[in-house]
Amino acid sequence: MKTFATLLFGIFVIFSAYAQEATETKNGPVMTFAEEKHDFGEIHQGDKVEHTFTFENTGNEPLLITNVQVTCGCTATEWPRDPIAPGSEGSITIMFNSTGKMGRQNKIITIVSNAVNPRNRVTIVTNVLPKEDDTE
């Protein structure tokens, strides 16, 4: 009987812990993007294009971006250095220089922050065509 009571108690503890974990809300900032991918379509070699990704801090604490990482020197970024309050919006501008590039380009930008989801990614894609002939 003692073994059965111990087993029953163990099952109760496990289910109680699981139920608590399932309903527990993570505290902290949460970075939620309006869009995570932008396609510039076709551009010509040497064109410089940019796009601004907007996001909202849907968490309950201030969001602080600590770094924005790019995979290529052809990509530059501008991002907010000040904390973004819960419920507020921010934006990250991505600039792409197609000089020396050709064909399909897929650039991943990683945003490092203090968010519950600490590494967010946005992507830009484009197809770089040969330079336009200026003589036409």
N, C-alpha and C. Protein backbone atom coordinates (compact mmCIF):
# COMPACT_ATOMS: atom_id res chain seq x y z
N MET A 1 0.82 -1.19 0.00
CA MET A 1 0.00 0.00 0.00
C MET A 1 0.87 1.25 0.00
N LYS A 2 1.98 1.20 0.74
CA LYS A 2 2.88 2.35 0.81
C LYS A 2 3.48 2.65 -0.57
N THR A 3 3.81 1.60 -1.33
CA THR A 3 4.37 1.76 -2.66
C THR A 3 3.35 2.42 -3.60
N PHE A 4 2.09 2.01 -3.48
CA PHE A 4 1.05 2.58 -4.31
C PHE A 4 0.86 4.07 -3.99
N ALA A 5 0.86 4.42 -2.72
CA ALA A 5 0.70 5.82 -2.31
C ALA A 5 1.87 6.66 -2.81
N THR A 6 3.09 6.11 -2.75
CA THR A 6 4.27 6.82 -3.22
C THR A 6 4.18 7.03 -4.73
N LEU A 7 3.75 6.01 -5.45
CA LEU A 7 3.60 6.11 -6.90
C LEU A 7 2.53 7.14 -7.26
N LEU A 8 1.41 7.11 -6.57
CA LEU A 8 0.34 8.06 -6.81
C LEU A 8 0.81 9.49 -6.52
N PHE A 9 1.54 9.68 -5.43
CA PHE A 9 2.08 10.99 -5.10
C PHE A 9 3.05 11.46 -6.18
N GLY A 10 3.89 10.58 -6.67
CA GLY A 10 4.86 10.92 -7.73
C GLY A 10 4.16 11.36 -9.00
N ILE A 11 3.12 10.65 -9.38
CA ILE A 11 2.35 11.02 -10.57
C ILE A 11 1.71 12.39 -10.39
N PHE A 12 1.17 12.64 -9.20
CA PHE A 12 0.55 13.94 -8.90
C PHE A 12 1.57 15.07 -9.03
N VAL A 13 2.76 14.87 -8.49
CA VAL A 13 3.80 15.90 -8.55
C VAL A 13 4.20 16.18 -10.00
N ILE A 14 4.37 15.14 -10.80
CA ILE A 14 4.77 15.31 -12.20
C ILE A 14 3.71 16.09 -12.97
N PHE A 15 2.42 15.70 -12.83
CA PHE A 15 1.37 16.40 -13.54
C PHE A 15 1.21 17.84 -13.06
N SER A 16 1.41 18.09 -11.78
CA SER A 16 1.32 19.46 -11.25
C SER A 16 2.42 20.34 -11.85
N ALA A 17 3.62 19.82 -11.91
CA ALA A 17 4.75 20.57 -12.48
C ALA A 17 4.51 20.85 -13.96
N TYR A 18 4.00 19.87 -14.69
CA TYR A 18 3.73 20.05 -16.12
C TYR A 18 2.64 21.09 -16.33
N ALA A 19 1.59 21.05 -15.55
CA ALA A 19 0.49 22.00 -15.68
C ALA A 19 0.97 23.42 -15.39
N GLN A 20 1.83 23.57 -14.40
CA GLN A 20 2.36 24.89 -14.06
C GLN A 20 3.24 25.41 -15.19
N GLU A 21 4.07 24.56 -15.77
CA GLU A 21 4.95 24.96 -16.86
C GLU A 21 4.15 25.37 -18.08
N ALA A 22 3.07 24.68 -18.38
CA ALA A 22 2.25 24.97 -19.56
C ALA A 22 1.57 26.32 -19.46
N THR A 23 1.21 26.76 -18.25
CA THR A 23 0.51 28.03 -18.10
C THR A 23 1.44 29.18 -17.76
N GLU A 24 2.70 28.90 -17.53
CA GLU A 24 3.66 29.94 -17.15
C GLU A 24 3.99 30.83 -18.35
N THR A 25 3.87 32.14 -18.18
CA THR A 25 4.20 33.09 -19.23
C THR A 25 5.63 33.55 -19.03
N LYS A 26 6.38 33.58 -20.12
CA LYS A 26 7.76 34.05 -20.02
C LYS A 26 7.75 35.56 -19.90
N ASN A 27 8.44 36.07 -18.92
CA ASN A 27 8.58 37.51 -18.77
C ASN A 27 9.77 37.99 -19.57
N GLY A 28 9.69 39.20 -20.04
CA GLY A 28 10.80 39.78 -20.78
C GLY A 28 10.32 40.39 -22.08
N PRO A 29 11.25 41.01 -22.80
CA PRO A 29 10.90 41.58 -24.10
C PRO A 29 10.74 40.51 -25.17
N VAL A 30 9.87 40.76 -26.12
CA VAL A 30 9.66 39.85 -27.24
C VAL A 30 9.66 40.68 -28.52
N MET A 31 10.53 40.32 -29.46
CA MET A 31 10.63 41.03 -30.73
C MET A 31 9.74 40.35 -31.76
N THR A 32 8.71 41.08 -32.24
CA THR A 32 7.76 40.54 -33.20
C THR A 32 7.81 41.39 -34.47
N PHE A 33 8.24 40.78 -35.56
CA PHE A 33 8.38 41.49 -36.83
C PHE A 33 7.09 41.48 -37.63
N ALA A 34 6.82 42.59 -38.34
CA ALA A 34 5.69 42.67 -39.26
C ALA A 34 5.93 41.75 -40.45
N GLU A 35 7.19 41.66 -40.90
CA GLU A 35 7.60 40.75 -41.97
C GLU A 35 9.03 40.33 -41.68
N GLU A 36 9.40 39.13 -42.09
CA GLU A 36 10.75 38.63 -41.84
C GLU A 36 11.56 38.43 -43.11
N LYS A 37 10.94 38.68 -44.27
CA LYS A 37 11.64 38.51 -45.53
C LYS A 37 11.19 39.58 -46.51
N HIS A 38 12.16 40.12 -47.27
CA HIS A 38 11.84 41.10 -48.30
C HIS A 38 12.56 40.72 -49.59
N ASP A 39 11.82 40.73 -50.69
CA ASP A 39 12.38 40.41 -52.00
C ASP A 39 12.44 41.69 -52.82
N PHE A 40 13.64 42.11 -53.21
CA PHE A 40 13.81 43.30 -54.04
C PHE A 40 13.49 43.02 -55.51
N GLY A 41 13.30 41.77 -55.86
CA GLY A 41 13.07 41.42 -57.26
C GLY A 41 14.38 41.48 -58.03
N GLU A 42 14.29 41.90 -59.28
CA GLU A 42 15.50 42.01 -60.10
C GLU A 42 16.08 43.41 -60.00
N ILE A 43 17.38 43.47 -59.77
CA ILE A 43 18.11 44.74 -59.79
C ILE A 43 19.32 44.54 -60.69
N HIS A 44 20.02 45.64 -60.99
CA HIS A 44 21.20 45.54 -61.84
C HIS A 44 22.46 45.70 -61.02
N GLN A 45 23.52 45.06 -61.47
CA GLN A 45 24.80 45.11 -60.78
C GLN A 45 25.20 46.57 -60.56
N GLY A 46 25.55 46.88 -59.33
CA GLY A 46 25.92 48.25 -58.96
C GLY A 46 24.80 49.01 -58.29
N ASP A 47 23.55 48.52 -58.39
CA ASP A 47 22.43 49.18 -57.72
C ASP A 47 22.58 49.05 -56.21
N LYS A 48 22.13 50.09 -55.50
CA LYS A 48 22.08 50.06 -54.05
C LYS A 48 20.62 50.18 -53.65
N VAL A 49 20.16 49.20 -52.86
CA VAL A 49 18.76 49.18 -52.45
C VAL A 49 18.69 49.08 -50.92
N GLU A 50 17.56 49.48 -50.37
CA GLU A 50 17.38 49.35 -48.92
C GLU A 50 15.93 49.04 -48.59
N HIS A 51 15.77 48.42 -47.44
CA HIS A 51 14.44 48.09 -46.94
C HIS A 51 14.44 48.24 -45.42
N THR A 52 13.31 48.70 -44.89
CA THR A 52 13.17 48.86 -43.45
C THR A 52 12.20 47.81 -42.92
N PHE A 53 12.70 47.00 -41.98
CA PHE A 53 11.88 46.01 -41.28
C PHE A 53 11.39 46.65 -40.00
N THR A 54 10.08 46.61 -39.76
CA THR A 54 9.54 47.14 -38.51
C THR A 54 9.21 45.98 -37.57
N PHE A 55 9.31 46.26 -36.29
CA PHE A 55 9.00 45.26 -35.28
C PHE A 55 8.35 45.95 -34.09
N GLU A 56 7.73 45.13 -33.25
CA GLU A 56 7.11 45.63 -32.02
C GLU A 56 7.63 44.82 -30.85
N ASN A 57 7.84 45.48 -29.74
CA ASN A 57 8.17 44.78 -28.51
C ASN A 57 6.85 44.33 -27.89
N THR A 58 6.49 43.07 -28.12
CA THR A 58 5.22 42.54 -27.62
C THR A 58 5.39 41.91 -26.24
N GLY A 59 6.55 42.08 -25.64
CA GLY A 59 6.80 41.55 -24.30
C GLY A 59 6.40 42.54 -23.23
N ASN A 60 6.87 42.28 -22.02
CA ASN A 60 6.49 43.13 -20.88
C ASN A 60 7.69 43.81 -20.22
N GLU A 61 8.84 43.83 -20.89
CA GLU A 61 10.03 44.54 -20.40
C GLU A 61 10.69 45.24 -21.58
N PRO A 62 11.51 46.28 -21.34
CA PRO A 62 12.18 46.98 -22.43
C PRO A 62 13.09 46.06 -23.26
N LEU A 63 13.08 46.27 -24.56
CA LEU A 63 13.89 45.51 -25.52
C LEU A 63 15.14 46.30 -25.87
N LEU A 64 16.30 45.65 -25.78
CA LEU A 64 17.56 46.30 -26.12
C LEU A 64 18.29 45.45 -27.16
N ILE A 65 18.48 46.02 -28.34
CA ILE A 65 19.24 45.34 -29.40
C ILE A 65 20.72 45.60 -29.12
N THR A 66 21.50 44.52 -29.04
CA THR A 66 22.93 44.66 -28.73
C THR A 66 23.81 44.53 -29.96
N ASN A 67 23.30 43.91 -31.04
CA ASN A 67 24.11 43.76 -32.24
C ASN A 67 23.21 43.34 -33.40
N VAL A 68 23.62 43.72 -34.60
CA VAL A 68 22.96 43.24 -35.81
C VAL A 68 24.08 42.70 -36.70
N GLN A 69 24.02 41.41 -36.98
CA GLN A 69 25.09 40.72 -37.71
C GLN A 69 24.67 40.47 -39.15
N VAL A 70 25.60 40.77 -40.08
CA VAL A 70 25.38 40.51 -41.49
C VAL A 70 26.38 39.47 -41.97
N THR A 71 26.09 38.85 -43.10
CA THR A 71 26.95 37.78 -43.60
C THR A 71 27.90 38.24 -44.69
N CYS A 72 27.82 39.52 -45.06
CA CYS A 72 28.61 40.00 -46.19
C CYS A 72 28.86 41.50 -46.04
N GLY A 73 30.01 41.96 -46.51
CA GLY A 73 30.32 43.39 -46.48
C GLY A 73 29.44 44.20 -47.40
N CYS A 74 28.68 43.53 -48.25
CA CYS A 74 27.78 44.22 -49.18
C CYS A 74 26.49 44.67 -48.49
N THR A 75 26.31 44.28 -47.25
CA THR A 75 25.09 44.58 -46.50
C THR A 75 25.43 45.43 -45.29
N ALA A 76 24.69 46.52 -45.12
CA ALA A 76 24.88 47.42 -43.97
C ALA A 76 23.54 47.58 -43.26
N THR A 77 23.61 48.01 -42.00
CA THR A 77 22.37 48.13 -41.21
C THR A 77 22.36 49.42 -40.40
N GLU A 78 21.16 49.87 -40.10
CA GLU A 78 20.92 50.94 -39.13
C GLU A 78 19.86 50.40 -38.18
N TRP A 79 20.10 50.53 -36.87
CA TRP A 79 19.19 49.98 -35.87
C TRP A 79 19.18 50.84 -34.63
N PRO A 80 18.09 50.78 -33.85
CA PRO A 80 17.97 51.62 -32.66
C PRO A 80 18.92 51.18 -31.54
N ARG A 81 19.59 52.14 -30.94
CA ARG A 81 20.51 51.86 -29.82
C ARG A 81 19.83 52.03 -28.46
N ASP A 82 18.70 52.74 -28.46
CA ASP A 82 17.96 52.97 -27.20
C ASP A 82 16.96 51.84 -26.97
N PRO A 83 16.63 51.57 -25.70
CA PRO A 83 15.64 50.53 -25.40
C PRO A 83 14.28 50.84 -26.02
N ILE A 84 13.57 49.80 -26.43
CA ILE A 84 12.22 49.93 -26.97
C ILE A 84 11.26 49.42 -25.90
N ALA A 85 10.40 50.30 -25.45
CA ALA A 85 9.47 49.98 -24.36
C ALA A 85 8.44 48.94 -24.81
N PRO A 86 7.88 48.19 -23.86
CA PRO A 86 6.82 47.24 -24.20
C PRO A 86 5.68 47.95 -24.94
N GLY A 87 5.22 47.35 -26.03
CA GLY A 87 4.15 47.93 -26.83
C GLY A 87 4.61 48.94 -27.86
N SER A 88 5.89 49.31 -27.83
CA SER A 88 6.42 50.29 -28.79
C SER A 88 7.01 49.58 -30.00
N GLU A 89 7.15 50.35 -31.07
CA GLU A 89 7.72 49.82 -32.30
C GLU A 89 9.11 50.37 -32.55
N GLY A 90 9.87 49.63 -33.33
CA GLY A 90 11.19 50.04 -33.77
C GLY A 90 11.39 49.58 -35.20
N SER A 91 12.53 49.94 -35.77
CA SER A 91 12.80 49.52 -37.14
C SER A 91 14.29 49.29 -37.35
N ILE A 92 14.58 48.42 -38.30
CA ILE A 92 15.95 48.12 -38.69
C ILE A 92 16.01 48.28 -40.20
N THR A 93 16.91 49.15 -40.67
CA THR A 93 17.05 49.38 -42.09
C THR A 93 18.24 48.59 -42.61
N ILE A 94 18.02 47.87 -43.70
CA ILE A 94 19.05 47.04 -44.32
C ILE A 94 19.37 47.65 -45.68
N MET A 95 20.65 47.92 -45.92
CA MET A 95 21.10 48.44 -47.20
C MET A 95 21.95 47.38 -47.89
N PHE A 96 21.68 47.14 -49.17
CA PHE A 96 22.41 46.13 -49.94
C PHE A 96 23.05 46.80 -51.15
N ASN A 97 24.35 46.59 -51.33
CA ASN A 97 25.10 47.13 -52.46
C ASN A 97 25.44 45.95 -53.38
N SER A 98 24.91 45.97 -54.60
CA SER A 98 25.08 44.84 -55.51
C SER A 98 26.36 44.89 -56.35
N THR A 99 27.23 45.86 -56.10
CA THR A 99 28.48 45.93 -56.83
C THR A 99 29.28 44.64 -56.65
N GLY A 100 29.68 44.06 -57.79
CA GLY A 100 30.45 42.82 -57.75
C GLY A 100 29.62 41.56 -57.52
N LYS A 101 28.32 41.70 -57.41
CA LYS A 101 27.44 40.54 -57.20
C LYS A 101 26.74 40.19 -58.50
N MET A 102 26.36 38.93 -58.62
CA MET A 102 25.68 38.47 -59.81
C MET A 102 24.77 37.31 -59.44
N GLY A 103 23.59 37.27 -60.02
CA GLY A 103 22.67 36.17 -59.80
C GLY A 103 21.86 36.32 -58.52
N ARG A 104 21.29 35.22 -58.08
CA ARG A 104 20.40 35.20 -56.92
C ARG A 104 21.20 35.47 -55.64
N GLN A 105 20.74 36.41 -54.85
CA GLN A 105 21.39 36.76 -53.58
C GLN A 105 20.37 36.54 -52.45
N ASN A 106 20.83 35.90 -51.39
CA ASN A 106 20.00 35.62 -50.22
C ASN A 106 20.83 36.02 -49.00
N LYS A 107 20.49 37.13 -48.37
CA LYS A 107 21.27 37.64 -47.24
C LYS A 107 20.45 37.53 -45.95
N ILE A 108 21.04 36.87 -44.96
CA ILE A 108 20.39 36.70 -43.66
C ILE A 108 21.01 37.68 -42.68
N ILE A 109 20.16 38.42 -41.98
CA ILE A 109 20.60 39.39 -40.99
C ILE A 109 20.12 38.89 -39.63
N THR A 110 21.05 38.77 -38.68
CA THR A 110 20.72 38.26 -37.35
C THR A 110 20.70 39.42 -36.36
N ILE A 111 19.60 39.55 -35.64
CA ILE A 111 19.44 40.60 -34.64
C ILE A 111 19.62 39.97 -33.27
N VAL A 112 20.63 40.46 -32.54
CA VAL A 112 20.93 39.94 -31.20
C VAL A 112 20.38 40.94 -30.19
N SER A 113 19.61 40.43 -29.21
CA SER A 113 18.98 41.33 -28.24
C SER A 113 18.80 40.61 -26.89
N ASN A 114 18.20 41.31 -25.97
CA ASN A 114 17.89 40.74 -24.66
C ASN A 114 16.50 40.10 -24.64
N ALA A 115 15.91 39.88 -25.80
CA ALA A 115 14.56 39.34 -25.89
C ALA A 115 14.51 37.88 -25.45
N VAL A 116 13.30 37.43 -25.14
CA VAL A 116 13.06 36.03 -24.81
C VAL A 116 13.52 35.17 -25.99
N ASN A 117 13.32 35.70 -27.19
CA ASN A 117 13.82 35.07 -28.43
C ASN A 117 15.07 35.88 -28.84
N PRO A 118 16.25 35.60 -28.25
CA PRO A 118 17.41 36.50 -28.34
C PRO A 118 18.06 36.62 -29.72
N ARG A 119 17.80 35.71 -30.62
CA ARG A 119 18.39 35.79 -31.96
C ARG A 119 17.27 35.71 -32.99
N ASN A 120 16.89 36.87 -33.51
CA ASN A 120 15.89 36.93 -34.57
C ASN A 120 16.61 37.09 -35.89
N ARG A 121 15.97 36.62 -36.96
CA ARG A 121 16.57 36.74 -38.29
C ARG A 121 15.57 37.33 -39.26
N VAL A 122 16.08 38.22 -40.11
CA VAL A 122 15.32 38.72 -41.25
C VAL A 122 16.16 38.43 -42.48
N THR A 123 15.51 38.38 -43.64
CA THR A 123 16.19 37.99 -44.87
C THR A 123 15.83 38.95 -45.99
N ILE A 124 16.84 39.28 -46.80
CA ILE A 124 16.58 40.00 -48.04
C ILE A 124 17.05 39.11 -49.18
N VAL A 125 16.30 39.15 -50.28
CA VAL A 125 16.67 38.38 -51.46
C VAL A 125 16.53 39.28 -52.69
N THR A 126 17.31 38.98 -53.70
CA THR A 126 17.25 39.72 -54.96
C THR A 126 17.93 38.89 -56.03
N ASN A 127 17.67 39.26 -57.26
CA ASN A 127 18.35 38.65 -58.39
C ASN A 127 19.12 39.78 -59.08
N VAL A 128 20.45 39.68 -59.07
CA VAL A 128 21.30 40.73 -59.64
C VAL A 128 21.58 40.40 -61.10
N LEU A 129 21.15 41.32 -61.97
CA LEU A 129 21.37 41.19 -63.40
C LEU A 129 22.62 41.96 -63.80
N PRO A 130 23.16 41.71 -65.01
CA PRO A 130 24.33 42.48 -65.46
C PRO A 130 24.01 43.97 -65.49
N LYS A 131 25.06 44.79 -65.46
CA LYS A 131 24.88 46.24 -65.50
C LYS A 131 24.05 46.64 -66.72
N GLU A 132 23.25 47.66 -66.52
CA GLU A 132 22.48 48.19 -67.65
C GLU A 132 23.42 48.92 -68.60
N ASP A 133 23.14 48.82 -69.87
CA ASP A 133 23.95 49.51 -70.87
C ASP A 133 23.48 50.96 -70.92
N ASP A 134 24.37 51.90 -70.58
CA ASP A 134 24.02 53.32 -70.53
C ASP A 134 23.95 53.96 -71.91
N THR A 135 24.34 53.27 -72.97
CA THR A 135 24.39 53.86 -74.31
C THR A 135 23.03 53.85 -75.00
N GLU A 136 22.06 53.19 -74.47
CA GLU A 136 20.74 53.12 -75.14
C GLU A 136 19.95 54.36 -74.94
